[in-house]
Amino acid sequence: MDTKETVLNILQELTGEDLHDKMDEDIFATALLDSMDTVQMVLELEEQLGVQIPVSEFDRDQWSTASKITAQVEALQ
């Protein structure tokens, strides 16, 4: 499974929403993820995709859409 699909699967698990057609929807502005969900998302991304996401460098603006999350993870891989 590729990075994009893994990201979308994790987000669907956490939000209950299929974001395939909403790749640029702000998941924080629409309240699809709260702070606890965000922590879970980071843990799942690290576990499933083998990346380290430094919490000190986590900027919600850079992780606010499925497209941005995919790009950030790919940059860390």
PDB file of N, CA and C in Angstrom:
ATOM      1  N   MET A   1       0.840  -1.178   0.000  1.00  0.00           N
ATOM      2  CA  MET A   1       0.000   0.000   0.000  1.00  0.00           C
ATOM      3  C   MET A   1       0.889   1.247   0.000  1.00  0.00           C
ATOM      4  N   ASP A   2       0.512   2.241  -0.775  1.00  0.00           N
ATOM      5  CA  ASP A   2       1.353   3.432  -0.851  1.00  0.00           C
ATOM      6  C   ASP A   2       1.055   4.404   0.296  1.00  0.00           C
ATOM      7  N   THR A   3       1.882   5.412   0.406  1.00  0.00           N
ATOM      8  CA  THR A   3       1.786   6.370   1.514  1.00  0.00           C
ATOM      9  C   THR A   3       0.433   7.048   1.551  1.00  0.00           C
ATOM     10  N   LYS A   4      -0.029   7.524   0.405  1.00  0.00           N
ATOM     11  CA  LYS A   4      -1.320   8.227   0.347  1.00  0.00           C
ATOM     12  C   LYS A   4      -2.447   7.339   0.861  1.00  0.00           C
ATOM     13  N   GLU A   5      -2.510   6.102   0.418  1.00  0.00           N
ATOM     14  CA  GLU A   5      -3.576   5.199   0.845  1.00  0.00           C
ATOM     15  C   GLU A   5      -3.484   4.905   2.339  1.00  0.00           C
ATOM     16  N   THR A   6      -2.269   4.739   2.839  1.00  0.00           N
ATOM     17  CA  THR A   6      -2.089   4.500   4.273  1.00  0.00           C
ATOM     18  C   THR A   6      -2.566   5.700   5.071  1.00  0.00           C
ATOM     19  N   VAL A   7      -2.191   6.908   4.631  1.00  0.00           N
ATOM     20  CA  VAL A   7      -2.642   8.132   5.307  1.00  0.00           C
ATOM     21  C   VAL A   7      -4.169   8.204   5.291  1.00  0.00           C
ATOM     22  N   LEU A   8      -4.765   7.965   4.142  1.00  0.00           N
ATOM     23  CA  LEU A   8      -6.226   8.034   4.038  1.00  0.00           C
ATOM     24  C   LEU A   8      -6.906   6.982   4.911  1.00  0.00           C
ATOM     25  N   ASN A   9      -6.327   5.796   4.993  1.00  0.00           N
ATOM     26  CA  ASN A   9      -6.903   4.750   5.847  1.00  0.00           C
ATOM     27  C   ASN A   9      -6.826   5.137   7.320  1.00  0.00           C
ATOM     28  N   ILE A  10      -5.700   5.692   7.737  1.00  0.00           N
ATOM     29  CA  ILE A  10      -5.547   6.129   9.127  1.00  0.00           C
ATOM     30  C   ILE A  10      -6.554   7.231   9.433  1.00  0.00           C
ATOM     31  N   LEU A  11      -6.669   8.200   8.536  1.00  0.00           N
ATOM     32  CA  LEU A  11      -7.621   9.294   8.751  1.00  0.00           C
ATOM     33  C   LEU A  11      -9.060   8.797   8.787  1.00  0.00           C
ATOM     34  N   GLN A  12      -9.380   7.831   7.933  1.00  0.00           N
ATOM     35  CA  GLN A  12     -10.745   7.294   7.925  1.00  0.00           C
ATOM     36  C   GLN A  12     -11.038   6.569   9.240  1.00  0.00           C
ATOM     37  N   GLU A  13     -10.048   5.830   9.737  1.00  0.00           N
ATOM     38  CA  GLU A  13     -10.213   5.156  11.021  1.00  0.00           C
ATOM     39  C   GLU A  13     -10.488   6.152  12.144  1.00  0.00           C
ATOM     40  N   LEU A  14      -9.771   7.264  12.125  1.00  0.00           N
ATOM     41  CA  LEU A  14      -9.889   8.255  13.193  1.00  0.00           C
ATOM     42  C   LEU A  14     -11.113   9.153  13.060  1.00  0.00           C
ATOM     43  N   THR A  15     -11.502   9.469  11.827  1.00  0.00           N
ATOM     44  CA  THR A  15     -12.593  10.431  11.621  1.00  0.00           C
ATOM     45  C   THR A  15     -13.919   9.797  11.228  1.00  0.00           C
ATOM     46  N   GLY A  16     -13.854   8.588  10.697  1.00  0.00           N
ATOM     47  CA  GLY A  16     -15.064   7.963  10.174  1.00  0.00           C
ATOM     48  C   GLY A  16     -15.442   8.508   8.805  1.00  0.00           C
ATOM     49  N   GLU A  17     -14.577   9.319   8.222  1.00  0.00           N
ATOM     50  CA  GLU A  17     -14.836   9.953   6.925  1.00  0.00           C
ATOM     51  C   GLU A  17     -13.891   9.411   5.859  1.00  0.00           C
ATOM     52  N   ASP A  18     -14.415   9.216   4.658  1.00  0.00           N
ATOM     53  CA  ASP A  18     -13.585   8.878   3.507  1.00  0.00           C
ATOM     54  C   ASP A  18     -13.120  10.192   2.889  1.00  0.00           C
ATOM     55  N   LEU A  19     -11.845  10.459   2.953  1.00  0.00           N
ATOM     56  CA  LEU A  19     -11.309  11.737   2.491  1.00  0.00           C
ATOM     57  C   LEU A  19     -10.680  11.668   1.097  1.00  0.00           C
ATOM     58  N   HIS A  20     -10.925  10.582   0.372  1.00  0.00           N
ATOM     59  CA  HIS A  20     -10.349  10.456  -0.974  1.00  0.00           C
ATOM     60  C   HIS A  20     -10.709  11.649  -1.854  1.00  0.00           C
ATOM     61  N   ASP A  21     -11.925  12.138  -1.754  1.00  0.00           N
ATOM     62  CA  ASP A  21     -12.376  13.269  -2.565  1.00  0.00           C
ATOM     63  C   ASP A  21     -12.249  14.598  -1.834  1.00  0.00           C
ATOM     64  N   LYS A  22     -11.637  14.575  -0.657  1.00  0.00           N
ATOM     65  CA  LYS A  22     -11.491  15.787   0.159  1.00  0.00           C
ATOM     66  C   LYS A  22     -10.041  15.947   0.613  1.00  0.00           C
ATOM     67  N   MET A  23      -9.121  15.692  -0.294  1.00  0.00           N
ATOM     68  CA  MET A  23      -7.696  15.698   0.046  1.00  0.00           C
ATOM     69  C   MET A  23      -7.215  17.045   0.575  1.00  0.00           C
ATOM     70  N   ASP A  24      -7.904  18.128   0.209  1.00  0.00           N
ATOM     71  CA  ASP A  24      -7.470  19.459   0.629  1.00  0.00           C
ATOM     72  C   ASP A  24      -8.392  20.080   1.674  1.00  0.00           C
ATOM     73  N   GLU A  25      -9.259  19.270   2.266  1.00  0.00           N
ATOM     74  CA  GLU A  25     -10.138  19.761   3.322  1.00  0.00           C
ATOM     75  C   GLU A  25      -9.363  19.836   4.635  1.00  0.00           C
ATOM     76  N   ASP A  26      -9.484  20.966   5.319  1.00  0.00           N
ATOM     77  CA  ASP A  26      -8.769  21.176   6.581  1.00  0.00           C
ATOM     78  C   ASP A  26      -9.425  20.333   7.677  1.00  0.00           C
ATOM     79  N   ILE A  27      -8.716  19.302   8.124  1.00  0.00           N
ATOM     80  CA  ILE A  27      -9.289  18.371   9.097  1.00  0.00           C
ATOM     81  C   ILE A  27      -9.388  18.953  10.499  1.00  0.00           C
ATOM     82  N   PHE A  28      -8.678  20.039  10.745  1.00  0.00           N
ATOM     83  CA  PHE A  28      -8.772  20.697  12.042  1.00  0.00           C
ATOM     84  C   PHE A  28      -9.879  21.740  12.038  1.00  0.00           C
ATOM     85  N   ALA A  29      -9.970  22.518  10.965  1.00  0.00           N
ATOM     86  CA  ALA A  29     -11.007  23.553  10.861  1.00  0.00           C
ATOM     87  C   ALA A  29     -12.403  22.938  10.829  1.00  0.00           C
ATOM     88  N   THR A  30     -12.515  21.741  10.255  1.00  0.00           N
ATOM     89  CA  THR A  30     -13.809  21.066  10.183  1.00  0.00           C
ATOM     90  C   THR A  30     -14.056  20.175  11.402  1.00  0.00           C
ATOM     91  N   ALA A  31     -13.131  20.213  12.351  1.00  0.00           N
ATOM     92  CA  ALA A  31     -13.231  19.446  13.600  1.00  0.00           C
ATOM     93  C   ALA A  31     -13.306  17.936  13.379  1.00  0.00           C
ATOM     94  N   LEU A  32     -12.707  17.463  12.292  1.00  0.00           N
ATOM     95  CA  LEU A  32     -12.649  16.017  12.078  1.00  0.00           C
ATOM     96  C   LEU A  32     -11.656  15.371  13.034  1.00  0.00           C
ATOM     97  N   LEU A  33     -10.615  16.116  13.412  1.00  0.00           N
ATOM     98  CA  LEU A  33      -9.635  15.617  14.379  1.00  0.00           C
ATOM     99  C   LEU A  33      -9.519  16.591  15.541  1.00  0.00           C
ATOM    100  N   ASP A  34      -9.476  16.041  16.748  1.00  0.00           N
ATOM    101  CA  ASP A  34      -9.171  16.871  17.911  1.00  0.00           C
ATOM    102  C   ASP A  34      -7.737  16.554  18.341  1.00  0.00           C
ATOM    103  N   SER A  35      -7.314  17.119  19.439  1.00  0.00           N
ATOM    104  CA  SER A  35      -5.910  16.947  19.841  1.00  0.00           C
ATOM    105  C   SER A  35      -5.568  15.491  20.158  1.00  0.00           C
ATOM    106  N   MET A  36      -6.490  14.766  20.774  1.00  0.00           N
ATOM    107  CA  MET A  36      -6.222  13.345  21.072  1.00  0.00           C
ATOM    108  C   MET A  36      -6.122  12.532  19.785  1.00  0.00           C
ATOM    109  N   ASP A  37      -7.000  12.838  18.816  1.00  0.00           N
ATOM    110  CA  ASP A  37      -6.943  12.154  17.524  1.00  0.00           C
ATOM    111  C   ASP A  37      -5.631  12.463  16.803  1.00  0.00           C
ATOM    112  N   THR A  38      -5.156  13.680  16.965  1.00  0.00           N
ATOM    113  CA  THR A  38      -3.906  14.080  16.323  1.00  0.00           C
ATOM    114  C   THR A  38      -2.734  13.257  16.854  1.00  0.00           C
ATOM    115  N   VAL A  39      -2.706  13.062  18.159  1.00  0.00           N
ATOM    116  CA  VAL A  39      -1.657  12.226  18.765  1.00  0.00           C
ATOM    117  C   VAL A  39      -1.755  10.809  18.219  1.00  0.00           C
ATOM    118  N   GLN A  40      -2.970  10.277  18.143  1.00  0.00           N
ATOM    119  CA  GLN A  40      -3.168   8.927  17.620  1.00  0.00           C
ATOM    120  C   GLN A  40      -2.736   8.849  16.157  1.00  0.00           C
ATOM    121  N   MET A  41      -3.049   9.884  15.377  1.00  0.00           N
ATOM    122  CA  MET A  41      -2.651   9.918  13.974  1.00  0.00           C
ATOM    123  C   MET A  41      -1.130   9.852  13.856  1.00  0.00           C
ATOM    124  N   VAL A  42      -0.436  10.668  14.637  1.00  0.00           N
ATOM    125  CA  VAL A  42       1.028  10.684  14.594  1.00  0.00           C
ATOM    126  C   VAL A  42       1.584   9.307  14.955  1.00  0.00           C
ATOM    127  N   LEU A  43       1.062   8.690  15.992  1.00  0.00           N
ATOM    128  CA  LEU A  43       1.528   7.359  16.398  1.00  0.00           C
ATOM    129  C   LEU A  43       1.287   6.328  15.301  1.00  0.00           C
ATOM    130  N   GLU A  44       0.124   6.374  14.674  1.00  0.00           N
ATOM    131  CA  GLU A  44      -0.192   5.431  13.593  1.00  0.00           C
ATOM    132  C   GLU A  44       0.700   5.654  12.378  1.00  0.00           C
ATOM    133  N   LEU A  45       0.921   6.914  12.030  1.00  0.00           N
ATOM    134  CA  LEU A  45       1.815   7.213  10.901  1.00  0.00           C
ATOM    135  C   LEU A  45       3.213   6.683  11.172  1.00  0.00           C
ATOM    136  N   GLU A  46       3.703   6.908  12.388  1.00  0.00           N
ATOM    137  CA  GLU A  46       5.042   6.429  12.741  1.00  0.00           C
ATOM    138  C   GLU A  46       5.110   4.908  12.672  1.00  0.00           C
ATOM    139  N   GLU A  47       4.109   4.250  13.219  1.00  0.00           N
ATOM    140  CA  GLU A  47       4.112   2.784  13.254  1.00  0.00           C
ATOM    141  C   GLU A  47       3.935   2.177  11.868  1.00  0.00           C
ATOM    142  N   GLN A  48       2.954   2.655  11.131  1.00  0.00           N
ATOM    143  CA  GLN A  48       2.621   2.028   9.852  1.00  0.00           C
ATOM    144  C   GLN A  48       3.559   2.420   8.710  1.00  0.00           C
ATOM    145  N   LEU A  49       4.143   3.616   8.799  1.00  0.00           N
ATOM    146  CA  LEU A  49       4.980   4.079   7.693  1.00  0.00           C
ATOM    147  C   LEU A  49       6.450   4.214   8.057  1.00  0.00           C
ATOM    148  N   GLY A  50       6.797   3.883   9.298  1.00  0.00           N
ATOM    149  CA  GLY A  50       8.193   3.856   9.696  1.00  0.00           C
ATOM    150  C   GLY A  50       8.891   5.204   9.682  1.00  0.00           C
ATOM    151  N   VAL A  51       8.165   6.253  10.029  1.00  0.00           N
ATOM    152  CA  VAL A  51       8.770   7.591  10.093  1.00  0.00           C
ATOM    153  C   VAL A  51       8.795   8.069  11.539  1.00  0.00           C
ATOM    154  N   GLN A  52       9.658   9.026  11.805  1.00  0.00           N
ATOM    155  CA  GLN A  52       9.700   9.689  13.107  1.00  0.00           C
ATOM    156  C   GLN A  52       9.191  11.113  12.896  1.00  0.00           C
ATOM    157  N   ILE A  53       8.137  11.467  13.619  1.00  0.00           N
ATOM    158  CA  ILE A  53       7.560  12.800  13.504  1.00  0.00           C
ATOM    159  C   ILE A  53       7.851  13.540  14.802  1.00  0.00           C
ATOM    160  N   PRO A  54       8.814  14.455  14.782  1.00  0.00           N
ATOM    161  CA  PRO A  54       9.166  15.188  15.996  1.00  0.00           C
ATOM    162  C   PRO A  54       8.008  16.098  16.433  1.00  0.00           C
ATOM    163  N   VAL A  55       7.502  15.863  17.622  1.00  0.00           N
ATOM    164  CA  VAL A  55       6.380  16.644  18.134  1.00  0.00           C
ATOM    165  C   VAL A  55       6.761  18.120  18.216  1.00  0.00           C
ATOM    166  N   SER A  56       8.013  18.404  18.539  1.00  0.00           N
ATOM    167  CA  SER A  56       8.456  19.795  18.658  1.00  0.00           C
ATOM    168  C   SER A  56       8.384  20.540  17.324  1.00  0.00           C
ATOM    169  N   GLU A  57       8.381  19.806  16.231  1.00  0.00           N
ATOM    170  CA  GLU A  57       8.325  20.422  14.913  1.00  0.00           C
ATOM    171  C   GLU A  57       6.961  20.271  14.251  1.00  0.00           C
ATOM    172  N   PHE A  58       5.991  19.713  14.978  1.00  0.00           N
ATOM    173  CA  PHE A  58       4.657  19.500  14.412  1.00  0.00           C
ATOM    174  C   PHE A  58       3.911  20.823  14.379  1.00  0.00           C
ATOM    175  N   ASP A  59       3.619  21.292  13.181  1.00  0.00           N
ATOM    176  CA  ASP A  59       2.885  22.535  12.969  1.00  0.00           C
ATOM    177  C   ASP A  59       1.558  22.158  12.303  1.00  0.00           C
ATOM    178  N   ARG A  60       0.452  22.403  13.002  1.00  0.00           N
ATOM    179  CA  ARG A  60      -0.859  21.995  12.470  1.00  0.00           C
ATOM    180  C   ARG A  60      -1.115  22.520  11.072  1.00  0.00           C
ATOM    181  N   ASP A  61      -0.625  23.701  10.750  1.00  0.00           N
ATOM    182  CA  ASP A  61      -0.839  24.257   9.412  1.00  0.00           C
ATOM    183  C   ASP A  61      -0.189  23.386   8.333  1.00  0.00           C
ATOM    184  N   GLN A  62       0.921  22.748   8.672  1.00  0.00           N
ATOM    185  CA  GLN A  62       1.623  21.902   7.705  1.00  0.00           C
ATOM    186  C   GLN A  62       1.056  20.478   7.663  1.00  0.00           C
ATOM    187  N   TRP A  63       0.149  20.147   8.578  1.00  0.00           N
ATOM    188  CA  TRP A  63      -0.428  18.805   8.668  1.00  0.00           C
ATOM    189  C   TRP A  63      -1.957  18.869   8.630  1.00  0.00           C
ATOM    190  N   SER A  64      -2.537  19.903   8.034  1.00  0.00           N
ATOM    191  CA  SER A  64      -3.972  20.159   8.167  1.00  0.00           C
ATOM    192  C   SER A  64      -4.860  19.495   7.126  1.00  0.00           C
ATOM    193  N   THR A  65      -4.282  18.899   6.096  1.00  0.00           N
ATOM    194  CA  THR A  65      -5.086  18.215   5.079  1.00  0.00           C
ATOM    195  C   THR A  65      -4.442  16.867   4.762  1.00  0.00           C
ATOM    196  N   ALA A  66      -5.223  15.995   4.155  1.00  0.00           N
ATOM    197  CA  ALA A  66      -4.683  14.687   3.767  1.00  0.00           C
ATOM    198  C   ALA A  66      -3.521  14.859   2.780  1.00  0.00           C
ATOM    199  N   SER A  67      -3.627  15.837   1.893  1.00  0.00           N
ATOM    200  CA  SER A  67      -2.539  16.104   0.932  1.00  0.00           C
ATOM    201  C   SER A  67      -1.271  16.532   1.651  1.00  0.00           C
ATOM    202  N   LYS A  68      -1.411  17.442   2.606  1.00  0.00           N
ATOM    203  CA  LYS A  68      -0.243  17.929   3.338  1.00  0.00           C
ATOM    204  C   LYS A  68       0.362  16.832   4.210  1.00  0.00           C
ATOM    205  N   ILE A  69      -0.478  16.016   4.827  1.00  0.00           N
ATOM    206  CA  ILE A  69       0.019  14.914   5.659  1.00  0.00           C
ATOM    207  C   ILE A  69       0.829  13.953   4.793  1.00  0.00           C
ATOM    208  N   THR A  70       0.284  13.609   3.647  1.00  0.00           N
ATOM    209  CA  THR A  70       0.987  12.703   2.718  1.00  0.00           C
ATOM    210  C   THR A  70       2.336  13.297   2.330  1.00  0.00           C
ATOM    211  N   ALA A  71       2.365  14.573   1.985  1.00  0.00           N
ATOM    212  CA  ALA A  71       3.621  15.228   1.581  1.00  0.00           C
ATOM    213  C   ALA A  71       4.623  15.256   2.721  1.00  0.00           C
ATOM    214  N   GLN A  72       4.155  15.544   3.932  1.00  0.00           N
ATOM    215  CA  GLN A  72       5.057  15.590   5.092  1.00  0.00           C
ATOM    216  C   GLN A  72       5.649  14.214   5.370  1.00  0.00           C
ATOM    217  N   VAL A  73       4.819  13.181   5.316  1.00  0.00           N
ATOM    218  CA  VAL A  73       5.304  11.820   5.572  1.00  0.00           C
ATOM    219  C   VAL A  73       6.306  11.412   4.496  1.00  0.00           C
ATOM    220  N   GLU A  74       5.988  11.711   3.239  1.00  0.00           N
ATOM    221  CA  GLU A  74       6.906  11.356   2.151  1.00  0.00           C
ATOM    222  C   GLU A  74       8.249  12.083   2.321  1.00  0.00           C
ATOM    223  N   ALA A  75       8.228  13.302   2.806  1.00  0.00           N
ATOM    224  CA  ALA A  75       9.473  14.038   3.031  1.00  0.00           C
ATOM    225  C   ALA A  75      10.301  13.410   4.158  1.00  0.00           C
ATOM    226  N   LEU A  76       9.638  12.776   5.113  1.00  0.00           N
ATOM    227  CA  LEU A  76      10.319  12.135   6.237  1.00  0.00           C
ATOM    228  C   LEU A  76      10.827  10.729   5.901  1.00  0.00           C
ATOM    229  N   GLN A  77      10.297  10.142   4.856  1.00  0.00           N
ATOM    230  CA  GLN A  77      10.677   8.765   4.516  1.00  0.00           C
ATOM    231  C   GLN A  77      12.028   8.714   3.849  1.00  0.00           C
TER     232      GLN A  77
END
